[in-house]
PDB file of N, CA and C in Angstrom:
ATOM      1  N   MET A   1      36.003  -4.633 -19.817  1.00  0.00           N
ATOM      2  CA  MET A   1      36.380  -4.078 -18.704  1.00  0.00           C
ATOM      3  C   MET A   1      35.528  -2.781 -18.405  1.00  0.00           C
ATOM      4  N   ARG A   2      34.998  -3.729 -17.092  1.00  0.00           N
ATOM      5  CA  ARG A   2      33.832  -2.938 -16.883  1.00  0.00           C
ATOM      6  C   ARG A   2      33.653  -1.548 -15.963  1.00  0.00           C
ATOM      7  N   LEU A   3      33.309  -0.480 -15.102  1.00  0.00           N
ATOM      8  CA  LEU A   3      33.191   0.456 -15.283  1.00  0.00           C
ATOM      9  C   LEU A   3      32.042   0.864 -14.047  1.00  0.00           C
ATOM     10  N   LEU A   4      33.129   0.996 -12.842  1.00  0.00           N
ATOM     11  CA  LEU A   4      31.830   1.407 -11.408  1.00  0.00           C
ATOM     12  C   LEU A   4      30.963   0.261 -11.456  1.00  0.00           C
ATOM     13  N   GLY A   5      31.364  -1.395 -11.573  1.00  0.00           N
ATOM     14  CA  GLY A   5      30.738  -1.406 -11.097  1.00  0.00           C
ATOM     15  C   GLY A   5      29.235  -2.074 -11.827  1.00  0.00           C
ATOM     16  N   ARG A   6      29.311  -1.440 -13.533  1.00  0.00           N
ATOM     17  CA  ARG A   6      28.276  -1.440 -13.885  1.00  0.00           C
ATOM     18  C   ARG A   6      27.593  -2.885 -14.557  1.00  0.00           C
ATOM     19  N   SER A   7      27.058  -3.544 -14.550  1.00  0.00           N
ATOM     20  CA  SER A   7      26.921  -5.309 -15.559  1.00  0.00           C
ATOM     21  C   SER A   7      26.153  -5.499 -16.464  1.00  0.00           C
ATOM     22  N   GLY A   8      25.984  -6.330 -16.956  1.00  0.00           N
ATOM     23  CA  GLY A   8      25.297  -6.525 -18.114  1.00  0.00           C
ATOM     24  C   GLY A   8      23.683  -6.781 -17.503  1.00  0.00           C
ATOM     25  N   ARG A   9      23.501  -8.037 -16.841  1.00  0.00           N
ATOM     26  CA  ARG A   9      22.290  -8.374 -15.978  1.00  0.00           C
ATOM     27  C   ARG A   9      21.509  -6.909 -15.664  1.00  0.00           C
ATOM     28  N   THR A  10      21.893  -5.969 -15.517  1.00  0.00           N
ATOM     29  CA  THR A  10      21.183  -4.981 -15.319  1.00  0.00           C
ATOM     30  C   THR A  10      20.338  -4.590 -16.027  1.00  0.00           C
ATOM     31  N   ARG A  11      20.196  -4.003 -17.102  1.00  0.00           N
ATOM     32  CA  ARG A  11      20.042  -3.661 -18.785  1.00  0.00           C
ATOM     33  C   ARG A  11      18.915  -5.369 -18.584  1.00  0.00           C
ATOM     34  N   GLN A  12      19.629  -6.043 -18.544  1.00  0.00           N
ATOM     35  CA  GLN A  12      18.483  -6.974 -19.309  1.00  0.00           C
ATOM     36  C   GLN A  12      17.505  -7.230 -18.307  1.00  0.00           C
ATOM     37  N   ALA A  13      17.860  -7.271 -17.084  1.00  0.00           N
ATOM     38  CA  ALA A  13      16.480  -7.449 -15.687  1.00  0.00           C
ATOM     39  C   ALA A  13      15.664  -5.915 -16.029  1.00  0.00           C
ATOM     40  N   GLY A  14      15.303  -5.114 -16.806  1.00  0.00           N
ATOM     41  CA  GLY A  14      15.413  -3.692 -17.114  1.00  0.00           C
ATOM     42  C   GLY A  14      14.529  -4.040 -18.416  1.00  0.00           C
ATOM     43  N   ARG A  15      15.444  -4.527 -19.072  1.00  0.00           N
ATOM     44  CA  ARG A  15      13.583  -5.101 -20.314  1.00  0.00           C
ATOM     45  C   ARG A  15      13.441  -5.836 -19.696  1.00  0.00           C
ATOM     46  N   LYS A  16      13.784  -6.666 -19.464  1.00  0.00           N
ATOM     47  CA  LYS A  16      12.801  -7.570 -19.102  1.00  0.00           C
ATOM     48  C   LYS A  16      10.912  -7.376 -17.879  1.00  0.00           C
ATOM     49  N   ALA A  17      11.345  -6.393 -17.178  1.00  0.00           N
ATOM     50  CA  ALA A  17      10.479  -5.609 -16.618  1.00  0.00           C
ATOM     51  C   ALA A  17       9.626  -5.193 -17.422  1.00  0.00           C
ATOM     52  N   ALA A  18       9.832  -4.580 -18.453  1.00  0.00           N
ATOM     53  CA  ALA A  18       9.473  -3.527 -18.812  1.00  0.00           C
ATOM     54  C   ALA A  18       8.335  -4.400 -19.901  1.00  0.00           C
ATOM     55  N   ARG A  19       8.776  -6.359 -20.359  1.00  0.00           N
ATOM     56  CA  ARG A  19       7.389  -7.411 -20.840  1.00  0.00           C
ATOM     57  C   ARG A  19       7.117  -7.509 -20.160  1.00  0.00           C
ATOM     58  N   ARG A  20       6.319  -6.856 -18.995  1.00  0.00           N
ATOM     59  CA  ARG A  20       5.780  -7.346 -18.122  1.00  0.00           C
ATOM     60  C   ARG A  20       4.113  -7.907 -19.281  1.00  0.00           C
ATOM     61  N   ARG A  21       4.605  -9.477 -18.345  1.00  0.00           N
ATOM     62  CA  ARG A  21       2.567  -9.536 -19.305  1.00  0.00           C
ATOM     63  C   ARG A  21       1.931  -8.874 -18.478  1.00  0.00           C
ATOM     64  N   ALA A  22       0.214  -8.735 -19.235  1.00  0.00           N
ATOM     65  CA  ALA A  22      -1.229  -8.198 -17.975  1.00  0.00           C
ATOM     66  C   ALA A  22      -1.392  -9.067 -16.998  1.00  0.00           C
ATOM     67  N   PRO A  23      -1.831  -8.515 -16.246  1.00  0.00           N
ATOM     68  CA  PRO A  23      -2.506  -9.044 -15.112  1.00  0.00           C
ATOM     69  C   PRO A  23      -3.689 -10.017 -15.617  1.00  0.00           C
ATOM     70  N   SER A  24      -4.123 -10.542 -14.993  1.00  0.00           N
ATOM     71  CA  SER A  24      -5.498 -12.044 -15.377  1.00  0.00           C
ATOM     72  C   SER A  24      -6.787 -10.446 -14.816  1.00  0.00           C
ATOM     73  N   PHE A  25      -7.589 -10.999 -15.434  1.00  0.00           N
ATOM     74  CA  PHE A  25      -8.605 -10.526 -14.392  1.00  0.00           C
ATOM     75  C   PHE A  25      -8.464 -11.079 -12.582  1.00  0.00           C
ATOM     76  N   ARG A  26      -8.676 -12.685 -12.340  1.00  0.00           N
ATOM     77  CA  ARG A  26      -8.997 -12.358 -11.032  1.00  0.00           C
ATOM     78  C   ARG A  26      -8.116 -11.860 -10.522  1.00  0.00           C
ATOM     79  N   GLU A  27      -6.252 -11.686 -11.318  1.00  0.00           N
ATOM     80  CA  GLU A  27      -4.534 -10.652 -10.371  1.00  0.00           C
ATOM     81  C   GLU A  27      -4.919 -10.023 -10.126  1.00  0.00           C
ATOM     82  N   MET A  28      -6.379  -9.504 -11.072  1.00  0.00           N
ATOM     83  CA  MET A  28      -7.115  -7.724 -11.293  1.00  0.00           C
ATOM     84  C   MET A  28      -7.662  -7.890  -9.645  1.00  0.00           C
ATOM     85  N   ARG A  29      -8.937  -8.575  -9.945  1.00  0.00           N
ATOM     86  CA  ARG A  29     -10.193  -8.623  -8.887  1.00  0.00           C
ATOM     87  C   ARG A  29      -9.369  -8.806  -7.586  1.00  0.00           C
ATOM     88  N   ALA A  30      -8.632  -9.565  -6.868  1.00  0.00           N
ATOM     89  CA  ALA A  30      -7.363  -9.513  -5.748  1.00  0.00           C
ATOM     90  C   ALA A  30      -6.886  -8.415  -5.692  1.00  0.00           C
ATOM     91  N   ARG A  31      -6.538  -7.535  -6.033  1.00  0.00           N
ATOM     92  CA  ARG A  31      -6.789  -6.631  -5.961  1.00  0.00           C
ATOM     93  C   ARG A  31      -6.703  -5.351  -5.646  1.00  0.00           C
ATOM     94  N   LEU A  32      -7.873  -4.881  -6.154  1.00  0.00           N
ATOM     95  CA  LEU A  32      -9.066  -4.200  -5.825  1.00  0.00           C
ATOM     96  C   LEU A  32      -9.881  -4.596  -4.460  1.00  0.00           C
ATOM     97  N   ARG A  33      -9.943  -6.303  -4.882  1.00  0.00           N
ATOM     98  CA  ARG A  33     -10.125  -6.488  -3.251  1.00  0.00           C
ATOM     99  C   ARG A  33      -9.633  -5.839  -1.988  1.00  0.00           C
ATOM    100  N   THR A  34      -8.181  -6.396  -2.013  1.00  0.00           N
ATOM    101  CA  THR A  34      -7.102  -5.847  -1.177  1.00  0.00           C
ATOM    102  C   THR A  34      -7.458  -4.529  -0.821  1.00  0.00           C
ATOM    103  N   GLU A  35      -7.584  -3.400  -2.378  1.00  0.00           N
ATOM    104  CA  GLU A  35      -7.385  -2.479  -2.319  1.00  0.00           C
ATOM    105  C   GLU A  35      -8.788  -1.822  -1.454  1.00  0.00           C
ATOM    106  N   LYS A  36      -9.351  -2.090  -1.193  1.00  0.00           N
ATOM    107  CA  LYS A  36     -10.902  -1.770  -0.899  1.00  0.00           C
ATOM    108  C   LYS A  36     -10.601  -2.207   0.570  1.00  0.00           C
ATOM    109  N   ALA A  37     -10.203  -3.061   1.098  1.00  0.00           N
ATOM    110  CA  ALA A  37     -10.044  -3.442   2.346  1.00  0.00           C
ATOM    111  C   ALA A  37      -9.196  -2.732   3.216  1.00  0.00           C
ATOM    112  N   GLU A  38      -8.287  -2.656   2.580  1.00  0.00           N
ATOM    113  CA  GLU A  38      -7.230  -1.187   3.121  1.00  0.00           C
ATOM    114  C   GLU A  38      -8.029  -0.711   3.247  1.00  0.00           C
ATOM    115  N   ALA A  39      -9.061  -0.335   2.822  1.00  0.00           N
ATOM    116  CA  ALA A  39      -9.740   1.816   2.317  1.00  0.00           C
ATOM    117  C   ALA A  39     -10.468   1.487   3.622  1.00  0.00           C
ATOM    118  N   ARG A  40     -10.726   0.215   4.039  1.00  0.00           N
ATOM    119  CA  ARG A  40     -12.024  -0.353   4.801  1.00  0.00           C
ATOM    120  C   ARG A  40     -11.333   0.073   6.059  1.00  0.00           C
ATOM    121  N   LEU A  41     -10.138  -0.400   7.257  1.00  0.00           N
ATOM    122  CA  LEU A  41      -9.800  -0.445   7.516  1.00  0.00           C
ATOM    123  C   LEU A  41      -9.125   0.386   7.850  1.00  0.00           C
ATOM    124  N   LEU A  42      -8.074   1.840   7.159  1.00  0.00           N
ATOM    125  CA  LEU A  42      -8.313   3.539   7.135  1.00  0.00           C
ATOM    126  C   LEU A  42      -9.011   3.750   7.626  1.00  0.00           C
ATOM    127  N   GLU A  43     -10.641   3.742   7.729  1.00  0.00           N
ATOM    128  CA  GLU A  43     -11.631   4.472   7.621  1.00  0.00           C
ATOM    129  C   GLU A  43     -11.782   3.856   8.964  1.00  0.00           C
ATOM    130  N   THR A  44     -11.431   2.502   9.324  1.00  0.00           N
ATOM    131  CA  THR A  44     -12.631   2.473  10.833  1.00  0.00           C
ATOM    132  C   THR A  44     -11.176   2.476  11.768  1.00  0.00           C
ATOM    133  N   GLN A  45     -10.941   2.670  11.666  1.00  0.00           N
ATOM    134  CA  GLN A  45      -8.643   3.188  11.877  1.00  0.00           C
ATOM    135  C   GLN A  45      -9.216   4.329  12.525  1.00  0.00           C
ATOM    136  N   ALA A  46      -9.669   5.558  11.696  1.00  0.00           N
ATOM    137  CA  ALA A  46      -9.750   6.963  11.882  1.00  0.00           C
ATOM    138  C   ALA A  46     -10.782   6.577  12.839  1.00  0.00           C
ATOM    139  N   ARG A  47     -12.193   6.358  12.686  1.00  0.00           N
ATOM    140  CA  ARG A  47     -13.193   6.369  14.013  1.00  0.00           C
ATOM    141  C   ARG A  47     -12.703   5.736  15.258  1.00  0.00           C
ATOM    142  N   ILE A  48     -11.691   5.129  15.491  1.00  0.00           N
ATOM    143  CA  ILE A  48     -11.847   4.782  16.298  1.00  0.00           C
ATOM    144  C   ILE A  48     -10.270   5.883  17.384  1.00  0.00           C
ATOM    145  N   HIS A  49      -9.728   6.781  16.342  1.00  0.00           N
ATOM    146  CA  HIS A  49      -9.455   7.515  17.250  1.00  0.00           C
ATOM    147  C   HIS A  49     -10.099   8.640  16.742  1.00  0.00           C
ATOM    148  N   GLN A  50     -11.191   9.041  15.866  1.00  0.00           N
ATOM    149  CA  GLN A  50     -11.793   9.924  15.930  1.00  0.00           C
ATOM    150  C   GLN A  50     -12.591   9.817  18.188  1.00  0.00           C
ATOM    151  N   GLU A  51     -12.603   8.293  18.307  1.00  0.00           N
ATOM    152  CA  GLU A  51     -14.255   8.514  19.567  1.00  0.00           C
ATOM    153  C   GLU A  51     -13.195   7.989  20.632  1.00  0.00           C
ATOM    154  N   ALA A  52     -11.404   7.685  20.493  1.00  0.00           N
ATOM    155  CA  ALA A  52     -11.047   7.861  21.648  1.00  0.00           C
ATOM    156  C   ALA A  52     -10.851   9.449  21.911  1.00  0.00           C
ATOM    157  N   ALA A  53     -10.696  10.220  21.087  1.00  0.00           N
ATOM    158  CA  ALA A  53     -10.127  11.291  21.380  1.00  0.00           C
ATOM    159  C   ALA A  53     -11.560  12.028  21.615  1.00  0.00           C
ATOM    160  N   ARG A  54     -12.389  11.981  21.220  1.00  0.00           N
ATOM    161  CA  ARG A  54     -14.095  12.420  22.226  1.00  0.00           C
ATOM    162  C   ARG A  54     -14.518  11.896  23.202  1.00  0.00           C
ATOM    163  N   ILE A  55     -14.166  10.553  23.944  1.00  0.00           N
ATOM    164  CA  ILE A  55     -13.889   9.975  25.177  1.00  0.00           C
ATOM    165  C   ILE A  55     -12.835  10.871  26.138  1.00  0.00           C
ATOM    166  N   ARG A  56     -11.624  11.467  25.296  1.00  0.00           N
ATOM    167  CA  ARG A  56     -10.443  11.512  26.410  1.00  0.00           C
ATOM    168  C   ARG A  56     -11.186  13.124  26.862  1.00  0.00           C
ATOM    169  N   VAL A  57     -11.065  13.750  25.752  1.00  0.00           N
ATOM    170  CA  VAL A  57     -12.352  15.554  25.921  1.00  0.00           C
ATOM    171  C   VAL A  57     -13.193  15.469  26.999  1.00  0.00           C
ATOM    172  N   ASP A  58     -14.235  14.217  27.069  1.00  0.00           N
ATOM    173  CA  ASP A  58     -14.844  14.359  28.380  1.00  0.00           C
ATOM    174  C   ASP A  58     -14.596  14.082  29.502  1.00  0.00           C
ATOM    175  N   LEU A  59     -13.890  13.168  29.180  1.00  0.00           N
ATOM    176  CA  LEU A  59     -13.469  12.936  30.370  1.00  0.00           C
ATOM    177  C   LEU A  59     -12.344  14.227  30.579  1.00  0.00           C
ATOM    178  N   ARG A  60     -11.468  14.291  30.571  1.00  0.00           N
ATOM    179  CA  ARG A  60     -11.112  16.345  31.100  1.00  0.00           C
ATOM    180  C   ARG A  60     -12.384  17.215  31.541  1.00  0.00           C
ATOM    181  N   SER A  61     -12.910  17.459  30.300  1.00  0.00           N
ATOM    182  CA  SER A  61     -14.256  18.579  31.491  1.00  0.00           C
ATOM    183  C   SER A  61     -14.890  17.752  32.353  1.00  0.00           C
ATOM    184  N   ARG A  62     -15.527  16.721  32.497  1.00  0.00           N
ATOM    185  CA  ARG A  62     -16.108  15.862  33.623  1.00  0.00           C
ATOM    186  C   ARG A  62     -14.775  16.186  35.302  1.00  0.00           C
ATOM    187  N   GLY A  63     -13.909  15.676  34.653  1.00  0.00           N
ATOM    188  CA  GLY A  63     -12.930  16.341  35.623  1.00  0.00           C
ATOM    189  C   GLY A  63     -11.945  16.821  36.364  1.00  0.00           C
TER     190      GLY A  63
END
């Protein structure tokens, strides 16, 4: 009889996850490229928001 809906599969899945293979060089390189691209995107987004805020302040001060 199983208690609280626990199954043997959960324990087996946990063991398999712990034995994951090491990522290949290609996969690591792809992950690094993705992280760099995301960082550049965030920087660009921050610059856009700063410039928009600057433009709004300039428009308020003129009008």
